[in-house]
Structure formats: structure tokens, C-alpha cells
């Protein structure tokens, strides 16, 4: 561990030995360096450390460990998980989840990505991209409820459920149509009440219909906008309502598309593209509106905009128009299409404390398709 990394903490704990202050860190990283670290501690004990702008900022952001931990224990479950917002009154997710002595053989890193005990809803989670993103949240420790209009999820859901049990989270399924405002809100309310919290949403439910604009059936316009826009809107509003009810400062991710910004060459989906553009603008608008909705704190809202993904919906496009695959690959800087698994990290980032300063943004992950 570099000496400069230890200094800000040591200024707060000048009377404690290094072994007492960092028993886990010493044993986890390298026991053979204990003598060297102890000698450094002895040398540093005679020095006077000056608080810098950097350490002052970190202190204001994360808070002091001692008093902050005592304050955090009195907070609600949701408030505990969001103490990064509490400045000097709380502690960060990193300081909050220090490993116990029984965990000294396991090194914990990047704890701002942890979702232990948090509760999430993923619409469109019966299969495809929604299910893949849900699995990532479970692996980070979250309790995830996949909702979809299918009576039963795809077999991949049950395969996922068998895999994720070892991670400490859980995954569940509820049949809900995002177009049904009353039914959706009832389901969201029951999930939140069961845990006395709700920490976030991935609104991934969406459909596509390919047709030239001159031949586009009017009823398909209504269907497309009802699911791709209205369903996203209703999902976000319902989740926000219950997050506020349980004092949860969380994060909402709307799934848009790079098609919100460009027209996919060769694919005649003017209404789909327009619905995704509406989702991007919805994300900005809700982020502004909910910037202080939970006792003066924000529920963050961002939009994940994938490029071409090998999902069942895209495979159907290739069956109908086989030339599209080669065309899209040639238009992509990476020369290939993406897999659903390549968006797991982005979803985890956007729903965790790691993205605590991100709201109202659209994250485009398209392999460079829109770069030229």
C-alpha cells in the first residue's frame, strides 16, 4: 500500500497503532510487509500532517468514520445505503462495508459497486437484455424482481436463477404488463412493501416493428409508443413514488438506444427510433424533476443507449432481412455486433454508488457506430 494512501486516514487516528487501525488491510494484502509498515508508522508519528484540499474534499464527501458510523446506524435501510449523500453526517459505501475479521482471506475492492440487500425492479426481464442486466445486479448482491407481460419467463430465467444463488442476492419473476398503470403500481408497491425499500429500476421493456413509413399501420404506432415510451414512463413514476415513500435515494436506468440519435442504416423503423428518442428526453426531464425529491436528495435518472445487440428481436430482423448483419458490422468501428453481456458493467455502474455524480445523462455503448 503506497504511503501516500495511508496519510489521510492516519491524520484521523494519530494515537492508534497501524496494526490496530488496519488489522484487516495488513493481513489481507501482505503479512510480510508488517515490519516495514510498522517502521513507517513510527517515523510518521513524529511528523505533522497538513490537511489538503483533496483530503478536505474527501472528508466532506464521505464523512469521518467514527461519528459517521454511529449516525448511520440510526438511519433507515435505504438511508444507510446512500450515506455518500450525507456528507459529514455519514460514511461512504466503502467505509461502511469493511470486512470482518472472518473475511481476512478475501480482499474486497471497488465496494462502491456493491448492491448488498438493495432491491431492484427490471421490466422486460423475462429474457434478452433485461434478464442479462438483472443477473448482473444479483451477482452484486441485489434482490431483483423481473417483470414482464409473459405468463412464464424464458427458460434462460430459470438457468440464471440456478446460477446466481451463490452470490447472496436473489431473482424473482412477476407477470406485469407495463402498459397497465394500476397493475404495474400494485406490483411495484407489493415488492417495495415486502422489503420496506426500493432502490432502483431498469426499464428495459420494449418492442420493435419494421415497416416502411408509408405503409406503417396506425395501430402499430400506438402499440409501439405505449410499450416503448408510456411503459417506461409509468415504470419510472411508479418506482419513484415508492422510493420516496421508503426514503430511498436510488437510481433509475431507462433503456434507450443509439437509434435515439441516428437512423440504423437499412432498417425501416421510424416509429421505434422516435420512441427511443422520447426515452432519452424523458430521462433528462425526470432527472431534473427528481433532483431533490427524497427529502432534498436526488433519485438519479439516466439512459443506457445500446448499439446493435444479438437479442431475439435483432435475430428476427436478420431472418427477415439477411443483408442487415453484414451491413451493420461494416458500419461499426469494432466490426461486429454486441452481446447482451457486454452491457452488464454499465448497468451495475449506473445503479450503484459508483455513479453517484451521474444523472440526466445518456450512456451510448455502440462499438463506435455513431462515431462517424
Protein backbone atom coordinates (compact mmCIF):
# COMPACT_ATOMS: atom_id res chain seq x y z
CA UNK A 1 0.00 0.00 0.00
CA UNK A 2 1.62 3.34 -1.03
CA UNK A 3 2.49 5.53 1.92
CA UNK A 4 0.59 8.47 0.46
CA UNK A 5 -2.61 6.42 0.52
CA UNK A 6 -2.29 5.92 4.28
CA UNK A 7 -1.70 9.52 5.26
CA UNK A 8 -5.27 10.91 5.21
CA UNK A 9 -6.52 8.11 7.46
CA UNK A 10 -3.54 8.34 9.82
CA UNK A 11 -4.20 12.01 10.45
CA UNK A 12 -7.54 10.97 11.95
CA UNK A 13 -6.06 8.16 14.04
CA UNK A 14 -2.75 9.51 15.38
CA UNK A 15 -2.86 7.62 18.69
CA UNK A 16 -3.57 4.17 17.30
CA UNK A 17 -1.01 1.73 16.02
CA UNK A 18 -1.09 0.75 12.38
CA UNK A 19 -1.99 -2.83 13.25
CA UNK A 20 -4.93 -1.66 15.37
CA UNK A 21 -6.13 0.81 12.77
CA UNK A 22 -5.85 -1.56 9.83
CA UNK A 23 -5.85 -5.15 11.11
CA UNK A 24 -7.68 -6.49 8.08
CA UNK A 25 -5.81 -4.50 5.48
CA UNK A 26 -2.43 -5.67 6.77
CA UNK A 27 -3.34 -9.33 6.87
CA UNK A 28 -5.18 -9.30 3.57
CA UNK A 29 -2.59 -7.56 1.47
CA UNK A 30 0.78 -8.95 2.56
CA UNK A 31 1.73 -10.11 6.08
CA UNK A 32 5.42 -9.91 5.18
CA UNK A 33 5.22 -6.15 4.92
CA UNK A 34 4.06 -5.66 8.51
CA UNK A 35 7.54 -4.82 9.76
CA UNK A 36 8.05 -2.28 7.01
CA UNK A 37 4.68 -0.68 7.62
CA UNK A 38 5.28 -0.55 11.37
CA UNK A 39 8.57 1.23 10.86
CA UNK A 40 6.84 3.71 8.58
CA UNK A 41 4.25 4.29 11.29
CA UNK A 42 6.92 5.01 13.85
CA UNK A 43 8.54 7.50 11.52
CA UNK A 44 5.27 9.14 10.62
CA UNK A 45 4.25 9.53 14.24
CA UNK A 46 6.84 12.28 14.60
CA UNK A 47 5.56 14.25 11.65
CA UNK A 48 2.85 16.89 11.38
CA UNK A 49 0.42 16.31 8.53
CA UNK A 50 -1.33 19.17 6.83
CA UNK A 51 -4.90 18.82 5.65
CA UNK A 52 -5.03 19.35 1.90
CA UNK A 53 -7.85 20.36 -0.37
CA UNK A 54 -8.02 16.76 -1.51
CA UNK A 55 -8.38 15.31 1.98
CA UNK A 56 -10.82 18.04 2.97
CA UNK A 57 -12.98 17.24 -0.05
CA UNK A 58 -12.91 13.53 0.66
CA UNK A 59 -13.83 14.21 4.26
CA UNK A 60 -16.80 16.32 3.25
CA UNK A 61 -17.91 13.71 0.74
CA UNK A 62 -17.52 10.57 2.81
CA UNK A 63 -17.50 11.84 6.38
CA UNK A 64 -15.46 10.72 9.36
CA UNK A 65 -15.63 7.03 10.11
CA UNK A 66 -16.14 7.18 13.86
CA UNK A 67 -19.07 9.56 14.33
CA UNK A 68 -20.43 8.84 10.87
CA UNK A 69 -20.81 5.14 11.60
CA UNK A 70 -22.76 5.93 14.77
CA UNK A 71 -25.03 8.28 12.84
CA UNK A 72 -25.53 5.73 10.04
CA UNK A 73 -26.77 3.06 12.44
CA UNK A 74 -29.79 5.22 13.26
CA UNK A 75 -30.79 5.66 9.63
CA UNK A 76 -33.36 3.71 7.64
CA UNK A 77 -32.08 0.82 5.49
CA UNK A 78 -32.24 2.95 2.36
CA UNK A 79 -30.53 5.87 4.06
CA UNK A 80 -27.71 3.61 5.20
CA UNK A 81 -27.03 2.54 1.64
CA UNK A 82 -26.94 6.13 0.47
CA UNK A 83 -24.77 7.75 3.13
CA UNK A 84 -22.47 9.03 0.41
CA UNK A 85 -25.12 11.75 0.04
CA UNK A 86 -24.92 12.67 3.71
CA UNK A 87 -21.53 14.40 3.56
CA UNK A 88 -20.08 14.84 7.05
CA UNK A 89 -23.04 13.13 8.73
CA UNK A 90 -22.42 9.75 7.10
CA UNK A 91 -19.82 7.44 5.66
CA UNK A 92 -19.26 6.07 2.21
CA UNK A 93 -20.22 2.67 0.94
CA UNK A 94 -16.52 1.81 1.08
CA UNK A 95 -16.09 2.70 4.74
CA UNK A 96 -19.46 1.21 5.58
CA UNK A 97 -18.65 -2.30 4.42
CA UNK A 98 -15.25 -3.01 5.93
CA UNK A 99 -14.68 -6.77 6.04
CA UNK A 100 -14.91 -8.56 9.35
CA UNK A 101 -12.02 -10.48 10.86
CA UNK A 102 -13.53 -13.67 9.49
CA UNK A 103 -13.12 -12.31 5.97
CA UNK A 104 -9.43 -11.51 6.18
CA UNK A 105 -8.51 -14.00 3.49
CA UNK A 106 -10.72 -12.26 0.94
CA UNK A 107 -9.72 -8.93 -0.50
CA UNK A 108 -12.65 -6.58 -1.17
CA UNK A 109 -12.26 -3.97 -3.87
CA UNK A 110 -14.48 -1.44 -5.59
CA UNK A 111 -17.14 -1.61 -2.89
CA UNK A 112 -18.98 1.32 -4.38
CA UNK A 113 -20.23 -1.23 -6.92
CA UNK A 114 -21.76 -3.47 -4.25
CA UNK A 115 -25.55 -3.73 -4.08
CA UNK A 116 -25.88 -5.82 -0.92
CA UNK A 117 -29.52 -6.07 0.24
CA UNK A 118 -30.77 -3.44 -2.20
CA UNK A 119 -33.98 -4.08 -4.12
CA UNK A 120 -34.45 -3.51 -7.85
CA UNK A 121 -37.11 -3.98 -10.49
CA UNK A 122 -36.25 -4.84 -14.10
CA UNK A 123 -39.02 -4.52 -16.66
CA UNK A 124 -38.69 -6.68 -19.75
CA UNK A 125 -36.75 -9.08 -17.54
CA UNK A 126 -38.16 -12.37 -18.81
CA UNK A 127 -35.42 -12.76 -21.41
CA UNK A 128 -32.86 -10.97 -23.53
CA UNK A 129 -31.08 -7.82 -22.42
CA UNK A 130 -33.34 -7.22 -19.41
CA UNK A 131 -32.62 -10.64 -17.95
CA UNK A 132 -28.89 -10.28 -18.56
CA UNK A 133 -28.78 -6.94 -16.73
CA UNK A 134 -30.87 -8.37 -13.89
CA UNK A 135 -28.34 -11.16 -13.43
CA UNK A 136 -25.55 -8.62 -13.01
CA UNK A 137 -27.43 -6.89 -10.19
CA UNK A 138 -27.96 -10.19 -8.39
CA UNK A 139 -24.28 -11.03 -8.66
CA UNK A 140 -23.54 -7.72 -6.93
CA UNK A 141 -25.79 -8.73 -4.02
CA UNK A 142 -29.10 -7.21 -5.05
CA UNK A 143 -32.61 -8.62 -4.78
CA UNK A 144 -34.05 -8.31 -8.27
CA UNK A 145 -37.65 -8.63 -9.49
CA UNK A 146 -38.01 -9.22 -13.21
CA UNK A 147 -41.39 -8.15 -14.54
CA UNK A 148 -42.74 -8.91 -18.00
CA UNK A 149 -46.06 -9.50 -19.71
CA UNK A 150 -45.20 -13.15 -20.44
CA UNK A 151 -47.07 -15.63 -18.26
CA UNK A 152 -43.80 -17.51 -17.76
CA UNK A 153 -40.26 -16.26 -18.34
CA UNK A 154 -37.98 -17.91 -20.86
CA UNK A 155 -36.00 -20.96 -19.79
CA UNK A 156 -32.95 -18.72 -19.50
CA UNK A 157 -34.54 -17.12 -16.45
CA UNK A 158 -34.53 -20.39 -14.55
CA UNK A 159 -30.97 -21.11 -15.66
CA UNK A 160 -30.00 -17.70 -14.33
CA UNK A 161 -31.81 -18.36 -11.06
CA UNK A 162 -29.82 -21.57 -10.58
CA UNK A 163 -26.53 -19.77 -11.23
CA UNK A 164 -26.90 -16.70 -9.05
CA UNK A 165 -27.74 -18.35 -5.72
CA UNK A 166 -24.11 -18.31 -4.67
CA UNK A 167 -23.84 -14.52 -4.76
CA UNK A 168 -26.12 -13.64 -1.85
CA UNK A 169 -28.73 -11.84 -3.92
CA UNK A 170 -31.96 -13.24 -5.34
CA UNK A 171 -34.01 -13.09 -8.53
CA UNK A 172 -37.80 -13.33 -8.84
CA UNK A 173 -40.43 -13.08 -11.57
CA UNK A 174 -43.75 -11.24 -11.71
CA UNK A 175 -46.14 -11.14 -14.66
CA UNK A 176 -46.92 -7.48 -15.24
CA UNK A 177 -47.77 -5.51 -18.37
CA UNK A 178 -46.06 -2.11 -18.21
CA UNK A 179 -48.97 -0.60 -20.15
CA UNK A 180 -51.30 -1.35 -17.22
CA UNK A 181 -50.74 1.58 -14.86
CA UNK A 182 -52.83 0.21 -11.98
CA UNK A 183 -51.46 -3.33 -12.20
CA UNK A 184 -47.90 -2.09 -12.50
CA UNK A 185 -48.17 0.20 -9.49
CA UNK A 186 -49.76 -2.58 -7.44
CA UNK A 187 -46.89 -4.94 -8.26
CA UNK A 188 -44.23 -2.32 -7.53
CA UNK A 189 -45.92 -1.43 -4.26
CA UNK A 190 -46.05 -5.06 -3.14
CA UNK A 191 -42.36 -5.57 -3.92
CA UNK A 192 -41.35 -2.42 -2.05
CA UNK A 193 -43.58 -3.23 0.93
CA UNK A 194 -42.14 -6.72 1.18
CA UNK A 195 -38.65 -5.33 1.69
CA UNK A 196 -39.59 -1.93 3.13
CA UNK A 197 -37.41 -0.38 0.45
CA UNK A 198 -36.91 0.03 -3.28
CA UNK A 199 -33.54 1.15 -4.59
CA UNK A 200 -33.83 1.29 -8.34
CA UNK A 201 -35.23 0.32 -11.71
CA UNK A 202 -34.06 -0.83 -15.10
CA UNK A 203 -36.83 -0.05 -17.58
CA UNK A 204 -35.91 -2.44 -20.38
CA UNK A 205 -39.32 -3.46 -21.74
CA UNK A 206 -39.57 -2.64 -25.43
CA UNK A 207 -40.75 -3.88 -28.81
CA UNK A 208 -39.89 -3.22 -32.43
CA UNK A 209 -41.90 -3.27 -35.63
CA UNK A 210 -40.20 -2.96 -39.02
CA UNK A 211 -42.15 -1.29 -41.80
CA UNK A 212 -41.69 1.49 -44.35
CA UNK A 213 -43.22 4.71 -43.06
CA UNK A 214 -45.63 4.89 -46.00
CA UNK A 215 -47.08 1.50 -45.07
CA UNK A 216 -46.91 1.77 -41.28
CA UNK A 217 -50.20 0.57 -39.68
CA UNK A 218 -51.62 3.29 -37.41
CA UNK A 219 -52.43 0.77 -34.67
CA UNK A 220 -48.76 -0.24 -34.57
CA UNK A 221 -47.78 3.34 -33.83
CA UNK A 222 -49.98 3.26 -30.75
CA UNK A 223 -48.64 -0.12 -29.64
CA UNK A 224 -45.03 0.94 -30.11
CA UNK A 225 -45.39 4.17 -28.16
CA UNK A 226 -47.49 2.54 -25.43
CA UNK A 227 -44.78 -0.01 -24.64
CA UNK A 228 -41.56 1.80 -25.53
CA UNK A 229 -42.45 5.19 -24.08
CA UNK A 230 -45.60 5.04 -21.96
CA UNK A 231 -44.47 1.79 -20.30
CA UNK A 232 -41.08 3.28 -19.46
CA UNK A 233 -42.74 6.42 -18.13
CA UNK A 234 -45.21 4.51 -15.95
CA UNK A 235 -42.47 2.22 -14.62
CA UNK A 236 -40.23 5.13 -13.65
CA UNK A 237 -43.04 7.09 -12.00
CA UNK A 238 -44.29 4.10 -10.01
CA UNK A 239 -40.82 3.19 -8.78
CA UNK A 240 -40.04 6.78 -7.86
CA UNK A 241 -43.27 7.03 -5.88
CA UNK A 242 -42.35 4.04 -3.73
CA UNK A 243 -38.70 5.02 -3.43
CA UNK A 244 -39.86 8.32 -1.96
CA UNK A 245 -42.28 6.50 0.34
CA UNK A 246 -39.46 4.45 1.86
CA UNK A 247 -36.91 7.29 1.85
CA UNK A 248 -34.67 5.56 -0.70
CA UNK A 249 -32.18 7.71 -2.57
CA UNK A 250 -31.66 5.38 -5.52
CA UNK A 251 -31.11 5.23 -9.25
CA UNK A 252 -33.34 4.66 -12.26
CA UNK A 253 -31.98 3.47 -15.61
CA UNK A 254 -34.10 3.78 -18.72
CA UNK A 255 -33.05 1.63 -21.66
CA UNK A 256 -32.94 3.74 -24.80
CA UNK A 257 -30.95 3.01 -27.94
CA UNK A 258 -28.34 4.53 -30.19
CA UNK A 259 -31.34 4.73 -32.55
CA UNK A 260 -32.47 7.71 -30.45
CA UNK A 261 -29.66 9.68 -32.11
CA UNK A 262 -29.28 8.12 -35.58
CA UNK A 263 -31.23 6.07 -38.11
CA UNK A 264 -29.96 2.50 -38.40
CA UNK A 265 -28.85 2.18 -41.99
CA UNK A 266 -31.11 -0.19 -43.89
CA UNK A 267 -33.66 -0.68 -41.08
CA UNK A 268 -37.04 0.98 -41.61
CA UNK A 269 -38.14 1.63 -38.03
CA UNK A 270 -39.07 5.31 -37.88
CA UNK A 271 -41.54 4.86 -35.02
CA UNK A 272 -39.15 2.71 -32.95
CA UNK A 273 -36.39 5.29 -33.37
CA UNK A 274 -38.76 8.06 -32.35
CA UNK A 275 -39.89 6.15 -29.26
CA UNK A 276 -36.28 5.76 -28.13
CA UNK A 277 -35.59 9.44 -28.72
CA UNK A 278 -38.55 10.15 -26.45
CA UNK A 279 -37.00 7.93 -23.76
CA UNK A 280 -33.77 9.94 -23.88
CA UNK A 281 -35.66 13.20 -23.39
CA UNK A 282 -37.73 11.58 -20.65
CA UNK A 283 -34.54 10.67 -18.80
CA UNK A 284 -33.32 14.26 -18.85
CA UNK A 285 -36.68 15.63 -17.75
CA UNK A 286 -37.18 13.19 -14.86
CA UNK A 287 -33.60 13.72 -13.68
CA UNK A 288 -34.32 17.43 -13.40
CA UNK A 289 -37.69 16.93 -11.74
CA UNK A 290 -36.44 14.38 -9.19
CA UNK A 291 -33.15 16.06 -8.31
CA UNK A 292 -34.37 16.76 -4.76
CA UNK A 293 -37.42 14.52 -4.45
CA UNK A 294 -36.33 12.48 -1.39
CA UNK A 295 -36.05 14.94 1.48
CA UNK A 296 -33.97 17.26 -0.65
CA UNK A 297 -31.90 14.50 -2.24
CA UNK A 298 -31.98 13.08 -5.75
CA UNK A 299 -33.27 9.96 -7.33
CA UNK A 300 -30.85 9.78 -10.23
CA UNK A 301 -32.20 9.05 -13.70
CA UNK A 302 -30.00 8.06 -16.65
CA UNK A 303 -30.47 6.40 -20.02
CA UNK A 304 -28.47 3.41 -21.26
CA UNK A 305 -28.29 3.51 -25.06
CA UNK A 306 -27.02 0.23 -26.52
CA UNK A 307 -25.92 -0.33 -30.09
CA UNK A 308 -26.82 -3.38 -32.14
CA UNK A 309 -27.20 -6.38 -29.81
CA UNK A 310 -27.64 -10.03 -30.70
CA UNK A 311 -31.00 -10.36 -28.97
CA UNK A 312 -34.04 -12.37 -30.16
CA UNK A 313 -35.51 -9.15 -31.57
CA UNK A 314 -32.41 -8.42 -33.67
CA UNK A 315 -32.10 -12.02 -34.82
CA UNK A 316 -35.65 -11.71 -36.12
CA UNK A 317 -34.51 -8.68 -38.14
CA UNK A 318 -31.75 -10.76 -39.70
CA UNK A 319 -34.20 -13.53 -40.58
CA UNK A 320 -36.42 -11.04 -42.39
CA UNK A 321 -33.57 -9.06 -43.96
CA UNK A 322 -30.38 -11.18 -44.05
CA UNK A 323 -28.22 -8.42 -45.55
CA UNK A 324 -28.50 -6.30 -42.40
CA UNK A 325 -25.95 -8.22 -40.32
CA UNK A 326 -23.05 -7.64 -42.70
CA UNK A 327 -24.14 -4.05 -43.25
CA UNK A 328 -24.24 -3.20 -39.55
CA UNK A 329 -20.94 -4.92 -38.88
CA UNK A 330 -19.30 -2.90 -41.65
CA UNK A 331 -20.68 0.33 -40.17
CA UNK A 332 -19.28 -0.47 -36.72
CA UNK A 333 -15.76 0.56 -35.70
CA UNK A 334 -15.27 -2.79 -33.94
CA UNK A 335 -16.52 -4.74 -36.94
CA UNK A 336 -19.04 -6.82 -35.02
CA UNK A 337 -22.31 -6.71 -33.12
CA UNK A 338 -22.52 -6.73 -29.33
CA UNK A 339 -23.70 -9.40 -26.92
CA UNK A 340 -26.13 -8.64 -24.05
CA UNK A 341 -23.40 -9.49 -21.52
CA UNK A 342 -21.35 -6.50 -22.69
CA UNK A 343 -23.80 -4.11 -21.00
CA UNK A 344 -23.70 -5.71 -17.55
CA UNK A 345 -20.93 -3.47 -16.26
CA UNK A 346 -22.65 -0.33 -17.46
CA UNK A 347 -25.91 -1.25 -15.75
CA UNK A 348 -24.14 -2.06 -12.49
CA UNK A 349 -22.23 1.22 -12.65
CA UNK A 350 -25.38 3.25 -13.29
CA UNK A 351 -27.35 1.66 -10.44
CA UNK A 352 -24.59 1.64 -7.82
CA UNK A 353 -22.87 4.30 -5.75
CA UNK A 354 -20.07 4.29 -8.33
CA UNK A 355 -22.16 6.65 -10.48
CA UNK A 356 -23.21 8.93 -7.61
CA UNK A 357 -22.48 12.10 -9.62
CA UNK A 358 -24.26 10.95 -12.78
CA UNK A 359 -27.82 11.98 -13.59
CA UNK A 360 -29.64 13.23 -16.68
CA UNK A 361 -27.07 11.52 -18.88
CA UNK A 362 -27.29 9.15 -21.83
CA UNK A 363 -24.58 6.50 -21.94
CA UNK A 364 -24.10 5.34 -25.53
CA UNK A 365 -22.37 1.96 -25.91
CA UNK A 366 -22.42 1.14 -29.61
CA UNK A 367 -18.97 -0.08 -30.63
CA UNK A 368 -18.36 3.23 -32.36
CA UNK A 369 -21.38 3.02 -34.67
CA UNK A 370 -22.31 6.66 -34.06
CA UNK A 371 -18.72 7.92 -34.14
CA UNK A 372 -18.84 8.56 -37.89
